[in-house]
Protein backbone atom coordinates (compact mmCIF):
# COMPACT_ATOMS: atom_id res chain seq x y z
CA MET A 1 32.29 -1.56 8.67
CA LYS A 2 34.70 -2.83 6.30
CA THR A 3 37.44 -0.68 4.76
CA ILE A 4 37.47 -1.59 0.65
CA ILE A 5 39.59 -0.02 -1.93
CA GLY A 6 38.58 0.43 -5.57
CA VAL A 7 42.06 -1.26 -8.24
CA ARG A 8 42.04 -0.46 -11.90
CA PHE A 9 44.17 -2.91 -13.86
CA SER A 10 44.20 -0.90 -17.37
CA GLU A 11 43.93 2.31 -17.82
CA VAL A 12 39.69 2.29 -18.30
CA GLY A 13 39.44 -0.56 -17.62
CA LYS A 14 36.80 -2.43 -14.46
CA VAL A 15 37.26 -1.04 -11.38
CA TYR A 16 37.63 -4.53 -8.58
CA TYR A 17 36.85 -3.72 -4.88
CA PHE A 18 40.32 -5.42 -2.76
CA ASP A 19 40.65 -5.04 1.04
CA PRO A 20 43.75 -2.16 2.27
CA GLY A 21 43.79 -4.36 5.23
CA GLN A 22 46.80 -2.22 7.59
CA LEU A 23 48.17 -0.20 4.15
CA GLU A 24 47.00 3.68 4.04
CA LEU A 25 46.41 3.98 0.27
CA THR A 26 45.71 6.76 -1.87
CA ILE A 27 44.06 6.95 -5.50
CA GLY A 28 46.97 6.50 -7.97
CA ASP A 29 48.86 4.37 -5.38
CA ASN A 30 50.51 0.86 -6.97
CA VAL A 31 49.85 -2.01 -5.90
CA ILE A 32 50.25 -6.13 -6.33
CA VAL A 33 46.95 -8.28 -5.80
CA GLU A 34 46.19 -11.61 -5.98
CA THR A 35 43.11 -11.76 -8.57
CA ALA A 36 41.16 -15.02 -10.27
CA ARG A 37 44.18 -14.48 -13.25
CA GLY A 38 46.75 -14.67 -10.26
CA VAL A 39 49.28 -11.79 -9.17
CA GLU A 40 48.54 -8.79 -11.16
CA PHE A 41 50.11 -4.85 -10.42
CA GLY A 42 46.98 -2.40 -10.16
CA GLU A 43 46.38 1.23 -9.70
CA VAL A 44 44.14 2.36 -7.04
CA ALA A 45 41.66 3.94 -8.70
CA LEU A 46 38.89 4.10 -5.38
CA GLY A 47 40.94 5.66 -1.99
CA PRO A 48 39.52 3.99 1.14
CA LYS A 49 36.13 3.63 1.81
CA ASN A 50 34.15 2.33 4.61
CA VAL A 51 30.96 0.48 3.90
CA GLU A 52 28.55 -1.05 6.56
CA LYS A 53 27.15 -3.99 4.16
CA PHE A 54 28.98 -6.02 1.53
CA ASN A 55 28.40 -9.68 1.18
CA LYS A 56 31.62 -10.71 -1.05
CA GLN A 57 35.08 -11.59 0.75
CA LEU A 58 37.67 -9.42 -0.40
CA LYS A 59 41.18 -10.73 -0.97
CA GLN A 60 43.70 -8.71 1.21
CA VAL A 61 46.02 -6.20 -1.04
CA ILE A 62 49.67 -8.06 -0.78
CA ARG A 63 51.83 -5.05 -1.10
CA ARG A 64 52.52 -1.74 -2.35
CA ALA A 65 54.07 -1.98 -5.58
CA ASP A 66 57.82 -0.51 -5.17
CA GLU A 67 60.66 0.49 -8.80
CA LYS A 68 61.49 -3.74 -8.77
CA ASP A 69 57.65 -4.00 -9.76
CA ARG A 70 56.95 -1.33 -11.91
CA LYS A 71 60.59 -2.95 -14.24
CA LYS A 72 58.76 -6.17 -14.24
CA LEU A 73 55.25 -4.93 -15.63
CA GLY A 74 57.83 -2.75 -18.19
CA LYS A 75 59.36 -6.09 -19.02
CA ASN A 76 56.28 -7.87 -19.30
CA ARG A 77 54.65 -5.73 -21.96
CA GLU A 78 57.68 -5.54 -23.80
CA LYS A 79 57.40 -9.43 -24.38
CA GLN A 80 53.90 -9.02 -25.00
CA GLN A 81 54.61 -7.28 -28.49
CA GLU A 82 57.23 -10.51 -29.00
CA ALA A 83 53.52 -13.22 -28.42
CA LEU A 84 51.40 -10.60 -30.53
CA ALA A 85 53.73 -11.66 -33.37
CA VAL A 86 54.42 -15.02 -32.75
CA CYS A 87 50.52 -15.82 -32.08
CA GLU A 88 49.62 -13.93 -35.29
CA GLU A 89 52.60 -16.41 -37.28
CA LYS A 90 51.09 -19.00 -35.34
CA ILE A 91 47.53 -18.45 -36.35
CA VAL A 92 48.45 -18.09 -39.92
CA LYS A 93 50.01 -21.09 -40.02
CA HIS A 94 46.84 -23.15 -38.53
CA ASN A 95 44.60 -20.88 -41.43
CA LEU A 96 42.24 -19.99 -37.95
CA PRO A 97 39.26 -17.85 -39.05
CA MET A 98 40.17 -15.79 -36.17
CA LYS A 99 41.16 -12.03 -35.70
CA LEU A 100 44.01 -11.57 -32.72
CA ILE A 101 43.48 -7.80 -30.69
CA ASP A 102 45.49 -8.05 -27.67
CA VAL A 103 47.96 -9.85 -25.55
CA GLU A 104 48.69 -9.52 -21.60
CA TYR A 105 50.92 -11.14 -19.82
CA THR A 106 49.92 -11.91 -16.06
CA PHE A 107 52.18 -9.94 -13.47
CA ASP A 108 53.55 -13.24 -12.00
CA GLY A 109 54.45 -14.66 -16.00
CA GLY A 110 51.93 -17.20 -15.24
CA LYS A 111 49.13 -17.40 -17.82
CA ILE A 112 49.34 -15.07 -20.95
CA ILE A 113 46.33 -14.16 -22.53
CA PHE A 114 45.30 -14.08 -25.72
CA TYR A 115 42.50 -11.88 -27.14
CA PHE A 116 41.01 -12.23 -30.93
CA THR A 117 37.49 -11.86 -32.49
CA ALA A 118 35.86 -13.88 -34.86
CA GLU A 119 32.27 -14.63 -36.73
CA GLY A 120 31.80 -17.70 -35.36
CA ARG A 121 33.26 -20.88 -32.52
CA VAL A 122 36.60 -21.24 -33.82
CA ASP A 123 38.76 -24.35 -32.53
CA PHE A 124 42.14 -23.20 -31.82
CA ARG A 125 43.29 -26.42 -29.38
CA GLU A 126 46.13 -27.46 -32.17
CA LEU A 127 47.43 -23.16 -31.39
CA VAL A 128 47.28 -23.40 -28.34
CA LYS A 129 49.56 -26.56 -27.81
CA ASP A 130 51.61 -24.60 -29.99
CA LEU A 131 51.95 -21.61 -28.22
CA ALA A 132 52.39 -23.68 -24.99
CA ALA A 133 55.77 -25.00 -25.82
CA VAL A 134 56.83 -22.03 -27.65
CA PHE A 135 56.41 -19.97 -24.16
CA LYS A 136 56.48 -22.69 -21.71
CA THR A 137 53.43 -21.14 -19.95
CA ARG A 138 49.74 -21.97 -19.18
CA ILE A 139 48.20 -19.98 -22.42
CA GLU A 140 44.31 -18.98 -22.61
CA LEU A 141 42.78 -17.90 -25.67
CA ARG A 142 39.74 -15.36 -25.40
CA GLN A 143 36.99 -14.53 -27.88
CA ILE A 144 36.14 -11.27 -26.87
CA GLY A 145 33.16 -8.90 -28.98
CA VAL A 146 32.90 -5.83 -31.00
CA ARG A 147 32.91 -3.86 -28.16
CA ASP A 148 35.56 -4.59 -26.70
CA GLU A 149 37.78 -4.78 -29.76
CA ALA A 150 36.86 -0.94 -29.92
CA LYS A 151 37.84 -0.61 -25.97
CA LYS A 152 40.96 -2.41 -26.61
CA VAL A 153 42.05 -0.96 -29.92
CA GLY A 154 40.42 2.66 -29.42
CA GLY A 155 39.92 5.45 -32.38
CA LEU A 156 38.07 8.44 -32.76
CA GLY A 157 34.60 8.78 -33.11
CA PRO A 158 31.70 10.01 -35.30
CA CYS A 159 32.17 13.30 -33.05
CA GLY A 160 36.08 13.15 -34.06
CA ARG A 161 36.96 13.13 -30.09
CA PRO A 162 38.99 9.66 -28.41
CA ALA A 163 36.20 6.85 -28.07
CA CYS A 164 34.18 6.30 -24.77
CA CYS A 165 35.26 3.22 -24.24
CA ALA A 166 38.64 3.70 -24.74
CA SER A 167 38.79 6.88 -22.31
CA PHE A 168 36.88 6.78 -19.40
CA MET A 169 34.06 4.30 -19.88
CA GLY A 170 35.28 0.98 -16.94
CA ASP A 171 31.74 -0.30 -18.08
CA PHE A 172 29.52 -0.94 -21.32
CA GLN A 173 25.39 0.44 -20.40
CA PRO A 174 23.25 -1.50 -22.12
CA VAL A 175 21.83 1.10 -25.38
CA SER A 176 19.00 0.31 -27.31
CA ILE A 177 17.51 1.77 -30.01
CA LYS A 178 14.06 3.19 -28.14
CA MET A 179 16.50 5.70 -26.71
CA ALA A 180 17.25 7.00 -30.49
CA LYS A 181 14.00 7.26 -30.97
CA GLU A 182 13.43 9.51 -27.83
CA GLN A 183 15.41 11.87 -28.40
CA ASN A 184 14.35 12.61 -32.06
CA LEU A 185 17.46 10.90 -33.69
CA SER A 186 18.10 9.69 -37.48
CA LEU A 187 17.71 6.60 -37.28
CA SER A 188 20.25 5.79 -40.41
CA PRO A 189 22.83 2.73 -38.75
CA THR A 190 25.78 5.45 -39.83
CA LYS A 191 24.05 8.11 -38.04
CA ILE A 192 23.71 6.05 -34.67
CA SER A 193 26.81 3.66 -34.82
CA GLY A 194 30.45 3.41 -33.27
CA LEU A 195 33.50 2.99 -33.96
CA CYS A 196 32.70 -1.05 -33.91
CA GLY A 197 29.40 -0.90 -35.71
CA ARG A 198 26.81 -1.25 -32.59
CA LEU A 199 24.89 1.79 -30.92
CA MET A 200 26.85 4.75 -29.66
CA CYS A 201 27.45 4.23 -25.88
CA CYS A 202 26.89 7.86 -25.90
CA LEU A 203 23.12 7.64 -27.28
CA ASN A 204 22.93 6.19 -23.05
CA TYR A 205 23.84 10.21 -21.57
CA GLU A 206 21.13 12.56 -21.83
CA HIS A 207 18.35 9.15 -22.20
CA GLU A 208 17.38 9.94 -18.33
CA HIS A 209 16.74 13.46 -19.08
CA TYR A 210 15.17 13.29 -21.89
CA ARG A 211 12.77 10.46 -20.00
CA GLU A 212 11.87 13.31 -17.64
CA MET A 213 11.31 15.86 -19.46
CA ARG A 214 8.65 13.46 -22.28
CA LYS A 215 7.09 13.68 -18.77
CA LYS A 216 5.69 17.21 -18.79
CA LEU A 217 6.12 18.45 -22.37
CA PRO A 218 3.26 18.16 -24.07
CA ARG A 219 2.08 16.26 -26.65
CA ASN A 220 2.58 17.75 -30.79
CA GLY A 221 -0.98 17.82 -31.43
CA VAL A 222 -1.98 19.11 -28.03
CA THR A 223 -3.71 22.46 -27.28
CA VAL A 224 -2.11 24.38 -24.72
CA LYS A 225 -2.78 27.90 -22.77
CA THR A 226 -0.05 30.59 -23.16
CA PRO A 227 0.30 34.17 -22.27
CA ASP A 228 -1.01 35.19 -25.93
CA GLY A 229 -4.30 32.53 -25.76
CA ASP A 230 -4.48 29.07 -26.86
CA ALA A 231 -2.04 27.62 -29.22
CA GLU A 232 -1.18 24.04 -31.27
CA VAL A 233 2.00 22.73 -30.04
CA VAL A 234 4.28 21.86 -32.89
CA ASP A 235 7.31 20.77 -31.90
CA THR A 236 9.15 20.71 -28.59
CA ASN A 237 12.72 20.59 -27.60
CA ALA A 238 13.74 18.67 -24.20
CA LEU A 239 17.33 20.09 -23.89
CA THR A 240 16.28 23.72 -24.08
CA GLY A 241 12.84 22.97 -22.47
CA ARG A 242 11.01 25.19 -24.56
CA VAL A 243 7.80 24.65 -26.65
CA LYS A 244 6.73 25.57 -30.19
CA VAL A 245 3.17 26.10 -30.55
CA LYS A 246 0.86 27.67 -33.77
CA ALA A 247 -1.01 30.46 -32.74
CA GLU A 248 -4.13 31.72 -34.64
CA LEU A 249 -4.46 35.03 -35.53
CA PRO A 250 -7.36 37.80 -35.42
CA ASP A 251 -7.63 37.63 -38.98
CA GLY A 252 -7.55 33.85 -39.04
CA SER A 253 -3.69 33.92 -40.48
CA PHE A 254 -1.37 31.42 -38.00
CA GLU A 255 2.01 32.95 -36.56
CA MET A 256 4.84 30.39 -34.67
CA ARG A 257 5.89 30.94 -31.48
CA ARG A 258 7.93 29.64 -28.87
CA TYR A 259 7.24 29.46 -24.76
CA GLU A 260 9.36 28.49 -21.91
CA LEU A 261 7.27 25.02 -20.18
CA ALA A 262 7.04 27.20 -17.21
CA GLU A 263 4.85 29.71 -19.49
CA ILE A 264 2.71 27.12 -20.51
CA LYS A 265 -0.63 25.47 -18.65
CA ILE A 266 -1.54 21.75 -20.76
CA LYS A 267 -5.58 21.41 -21.26
CA GLY A 268 -6.26 18.99 -18.62
CA LYS A 269 -9.63 16.78 -19.62
CA ARG A 270 -11.52 18.19 -17.42
CA GLU A 271 -10.65 21.95 -18.92
CA LYS A 272 -11.57 20.12 -22.44
CA ALA A 273 -14.77 19.03 -21.23
CA VAL A 274 -15.49 22.80 -19.92
CA ALA A 275 -14.75 23.88 -23.12
CA ALA A 276 -16.84 22.06 -25.10
CA ALA A 277 -19.41 22.48 -22.81
CA GLU A 278 -19.27 26.39 -23.27
CA GLU A 279 -19.14 25.90 -26.91
CA VAL A 280 -22.54 23.81 -26.69
CA VAL A 281 -23.82 26.66 -24.67
CA VAL A 282 -23.34 29.60 -27.35
CA GLU A 283 -24.23 26.96 -29.74
CA ILE A 284 -28.06 26.30 -28.11
CA ASP A 285 -28.08 30.31 -27.69
CA GLU A 286 -27.64 31.33 -31.10
CA GLU A 287 -29.73 28.60 -32.10
CA MET A 288 -32.25 30.26 -29.80
CA LYS A 289 -31.87 33.72 -30.70
CA SER A 290 -32.50 32.93 -34.52
CA LEU A 291 -35.85 31.05 -33.72
CA LEU A 292 -36.89 34.28 -31.70
CA ASP A 293 -35.78 36.45 -34.55
CA GLU A 294 -38.21 34.51 -36.74
């Protein structure tokens, strides 16, 4: 049995797991931990949890953060704004085809990470030399995608609410055009694209429900049994679980009706075969009757 905690290094960043050691930590506590990037200041996002199997070798939390650490974090954030301005000036100087998005100082100040976007590969070796000469520390330039850019910059989505990636999503989930098709959404790029220009992350939220409902709901054109007799399915609603059918009236006209999924019964192959056989028997009986009348 092993005790682990989850630590997040930004407001909506990915959660990383650490060994709390002898520290009694709860959600919201600030901690100092060692990561692949160096010593970092983080916040406990997942409280202590006992797990039986955990294959990764976890690093132990160094200590609980104090007021001195919080002041140092504030100073680092102030320096980030200065570094952002300096880097943008250097990018213009070297005429590089890149767009600077964000800057991060590691907590111990041992490294500065510059995040940027670009359409292709960028030769930024001279830029790194200039930045290292100015800041006298290790410099890392990291190219990110448009989804990561939207997560860092933020903004309002088509729904009018803050972008999901910038407000609560820790990780990006795969999204495909098939999800939009299964939810009967418009396939127009302007309707199903987010701020980043890629498919909206929210297409994934209801996908599982639609996939399960598709197994239960009848397809359009299928004949079903309703409380009022047989009818043809015209449309279905996966969210409400209702089925719209076209029912034939005694006078030969048709009427649209809606039923709950539990109220109808989908005709199976056996039922269709029996119904077809009954129709054949009726036709034969009518032919025999006409022959006898002759």
